C-alpha cells in the first residue's frame, strides 16, 4: 500500500459515505502529484474509495481547485466571477498576461508560472481576488499587477536601490 492510499483511508474514516471523501481525497492526490492530477491519480483515488476513475475525474473536472494539467511553481489565479468581474477582473487578467508573458490557462515555458482565470475564489466582498499558490490577495486592481508580478519574480525593491 502506498502512502497516498493510507492517507485516503484516513480521510475516508472521517465520512459516513466514501462519496463524501472524494474531494479531500482528490486534494491529497493533487498534493502528492506535485500540484496536479495526472491520469494515475484518478485510479489511485478510485481504488482507495471503491469508486471508478471516471467518477473521480467527473468531480475533479467540475471544480476549479483541481488541476488536470501540470502547473508552474507559482500558480496565479484571478477570480472572474460576477463580483470580481464588475470590479475589473478582466483588466487584472490582462495585466498579468502582459507582466508574465503568457495567457490565462498557460504555464510559462520555464515552468515558473501558471496563470488561471477561475470562476470563484470566495471573496466577493473584496473583489478582485487573486490567489497566488492558494494565498488570497484582496482588492487587486490592474494597476497593482506590475508590482505584484515583480514580487513574484523576486524583483521586489524595498526602496534601497
Protein backbone atom coordinates (compact mmCIF):
# COMPACT_ATOMS: atom_id res chain seq x y z
CA UNK A 1 0.00 0.00 0.00
CA UNK A 2 1.20 3.46 -0.85
CA UNK A 3 1.36 6.46 1.45
CA UNK A 4 -1.38 8.10 -0.61
CA UNK A 5 -3.64 5.06 -0.19
CA UNK A 6 -3.11 5.19 3.57
CA UNK A 7 -3.78 8.95 3.64
CA UNK A 8 -7.02 8.45 1.70
CA UNK A 9 -8.07 5.72 4.13
CA UNK A 10 -7.57 8.21 6.99
CA UNK A 11 -9.73 10.70 5.12
CA UNK A 12 -12.33 8.03 4.34
CA UNK A 13 -12.76 7.16 8.01
CA UNK A 14 -13.95 10.74 8.70
CA UNK A 15 -17.01 10.35 6.48
CA UNK A 16 -20.01 8.02 6.71
CA UNK A 17 -20.02 7.58 2.91
CA UNK A 18 -16.99 7.31 0.62
CA UNK A 19 -18.62 9.74 -1.82
CA UNK A 20 -18.18 12.43 0.82
CA UNK A 21 -14.43 11.72 0.90
CA UNK A 22 -13.84 12.21 -2.83
CA UNK A 23 -12.94 15.89 -2.75
CA UNK A 24 -10.48 15.72 0.15
CA UNK A 25 -9.00 12.54 -1.36
CA UNK A 26 -8.50 14.31 -4.68
CA UNK A 27 -6.88 17.21 -2.84
CA UNK A 28 -4.47 14.79 -1.16
CA UNK A 29 -3.68 13.18 -4.51
CA UNK A 30 -3.08 16.58 -6.09
CA UNK A 31 -0.55 17.44 -3.37
CA UNK A 32 1.09 14.02 -3.78
CA UNK A 33 1.43 14.55 -7.53
CA UNK A 34 3.06 17.96 -7.38
CA UNK A 35 0.02 20.21 -7.68
CA UNK A 36 -1.97 18.46 -10.40
CA UNK A 37 -3.92 15.27 -11.06
CA UNK A 38 -2.39 13.01 -13.69
CA UNK A 39 -4.39 10.08 -15.06
CA UNK A 40 -2.98 7.63 -12.49
CA UNK A 41 -4.22 9.83 -9.62
CA UNK A 42 -7.82 9.07 -10.57
CA UNK A 43 -7.11 5.33 -10.44
CA UNK A 44 -5.40 5.72 -7.04
CA UNK A 45 -8.29 7.69 -5.54
CA UNK A 46 -10.88 5.38 -7.11
CA UNK A 47 -9.16 2.26 -5.80
CA UNK A 48 -8.86 3.72 -2.30
CA UNK A 49 -12.54 4.69 -2.19
CA UNK A 50 -14.07 1.79 -4.16
CA UNK A 51 -15.21 4.13 -6.92
CA UNK A 52 -14.49 4.42 -10.63
CA UNK A 53 -11.75 6.65 -12.06
CA UNK A 54 -14.41 8.22 -14.31
CA UNK A 55 -16.42 9.30 -11.28
CA UNK A 56 -13.33 10.85 -9.68
CA UNK A 57 -12.49 12.65 -12.92
CA UNK A 58 -16.06 13.98 -13.15
CA UNK A 59 -15.66 15.61 -9.73
CA UNK A 60 -12.18 16.99 -10.46
CA UNK A 61 -13.17 18.42 -13.83
CA UNK A 62 -16.08 20.34 -12.28
CA UNK A 63 -14.14 22.29 -9.63
CA UNK A 64 -11.51 24.98 -10.32
CA UNK A 65 -9.43 23.87 -7.35
CA UNK A 66 -8.39 20.69 -9.16
CA UNK A 67 -5.79 20.91 -11.88
CA UNK A 68 -5.81 18.41 -14.71
CA UNK A 69 -2.53 19.56 -16.26
CA UNK A 70 0.90 20.28 -14.78
CA UNK A 71 1.25 23.73 -13.24
CA UNK A 72 4.13 26.10 -12.64
CA UNK A 73 5.93 26.64 -9.36
CA UNK A 74 3.80 29.73 -8.81
CA UNK A 75 0.11 29.50 -9.69
CA UNK A 76 -1.65 32.83 -10.12
CA UNK A 77 -5.45 32.56 -10.17
CA UNK A 78 -7.71 35.53 -10.86
CA UNK A 79 -11.37 35.30 -9.89
CA UNK A 80 -13.58 36.28 -12.81
CA UNK A 81 -16.99 35.69 -11.23
CA UNK A 82 -19.60 38.45 -11.32
CA UNK A 83 -18.41 40.46 -8.29
CA UNK A 84 -14.79 40.41 -9.37
CA UNK A 85 -15.80 40.93 -12.98
CA UNK A 86 -17.64 44.12 -12.05
CA UNK A 87 -14.57 45.25 -10.08
CA UNK A 88 -12.24 44.91 -13.08
CA UNK A 89 -11.12 41.26 -13.09
CA UNK A 90 -10.65 41.21 -16.87
CA UNK A 91 -8.19 44.08 -16.61
CA UNK A 92 -6.34 42.19 -13.86
CA UNK A 93 -6.13 39.08 -16.04
CA UNK A 94 -4.86 41.13 -19.00
CA UNK A 95 -2.29 42.89 -16.81
CA UNK A 96 -0.98 39.53 -15.57
CA UNK A 97 -0.84 38.27 -19.16
CA UNK A 98 1.35 41.25 -20.10
CA UNK A 99 3.55 41.01 -17.00
CA UNK A 100 4.07 37.25 -17.05
CA UNK A 101 4.16 36.88 -20.85
CA UNK A 102 1.51 34.18 -21.04
CA UNK A 103 -2.23 33.86 -21.48
CA UNK A 104 -4.73 32.67 -18.90
CA UNK A 105 -4.71 28.88 -18.93
CA UNK A 106 -1.00 28.65 -19.78
CA UNK A 107 2.18 27.75 -17.94
CA UNK A 108 5.42 29.53 -18.77
CA UNK A 109 7.99 27.57 -20.77
CA UNK A 110 10.40 27.65 -17.82
CA UNK A 111 7.74 26.16 -15.51
CA UNK A 112 7.87 29.11 -13.12
CA UNK A 113 4.33 30.47 -13.56
CA UNK A 114 0.83 29.32 -14.38
CA UNK A 115 -1.95 31.86 -14.91
CA UNK A 116 -5.57 30.84 -14.49
CA UNK A 117 -8.86 32.69 -14.72
CA UNK A 118 -11.13 30.92 -12.25
CA UNK A 119 -14.83 31.06 -11.54
CA UNK A 120 -14.81 31.96 -7.85
CA UNK A 121 -12.33 32.36 -5.01
CA UNK A 122 -14.97 33.10 -2.38
CA UNK A 123 -14.20 36.75 -1.65
CA UNK A 124 -16.99 38.63 -3.36
CA UNK A 125 -16.88 41.45 -0.82
CA UNK A 126 -13.18 42.11 -1.50
CA UNK A 127 -13.09 41.95 -5.30
CA UNK A 128 -10.96 41.45 -7.30
CA UNK A 129 -9.43 38.41 -5.59
CA UNK A 130 -6.12 36.97 -6.79
CA UNK A 131 -4.78 33.74 -5.31
CA UNK A 132 -1.05 33.10 -5.52
CA UNK A 133 -0.34 29.48 -4.57
CA UNK A 134 -3.67 29.49 -2.69
CA UNK A 135 -2.86 32.64 -0.69
CA UNK A 136 -5.50 35.25 -1.39
CA UNK A 137 -4.82 38.89 -2.20
CA UNK A 138 -7.79 41.21 -1.80
CA UNK A 139 -8.97 44.17 -3.85
CA UNK A 140 -6.38 43.74 -6.59
CA UNK A 141 -6.62 46.17 -9.49
CA UNK A 142 -4.85 46.13 -12.84
CA UNK A 143 -2.63 48.94 -11.54
CA UNK A 144 -1.44 46.64 -8.70
CA UNK A 145 -0.31 43.87 -11.04
CA UNK A 146 3.14 45.17 -12.16
CA UNK A 147 4.35 45.40 -8.55
CA UNK A 148 2.79 42.05 -7.67
CA UNK A 149 4.37 40.37 -10.71
CA UNK A 150 7.76 41.89 -9.81
CA UNK A 151 7.36 40.49 -6.29
CA UNK A 152 6.56 37.05 -7.71
CA UNK A 153 9.62 37.19 -9.96
CA UNK A 154 11.77 38.11 -6.96
CA UNK A 155 12.40 41.63 -8.20
CA UNK A 156 10.93 43.43 -5.19
CA UNK A 157 12.63 46.64 -4.30
CA UNK A 158 12.43 47.81 -0.73
CA UNK A 159 13.48 51.32 -1.66
CA UNK A 160 17.20 50.81 -1.05
CA UNK A 161 18.12 50.97 -4.73
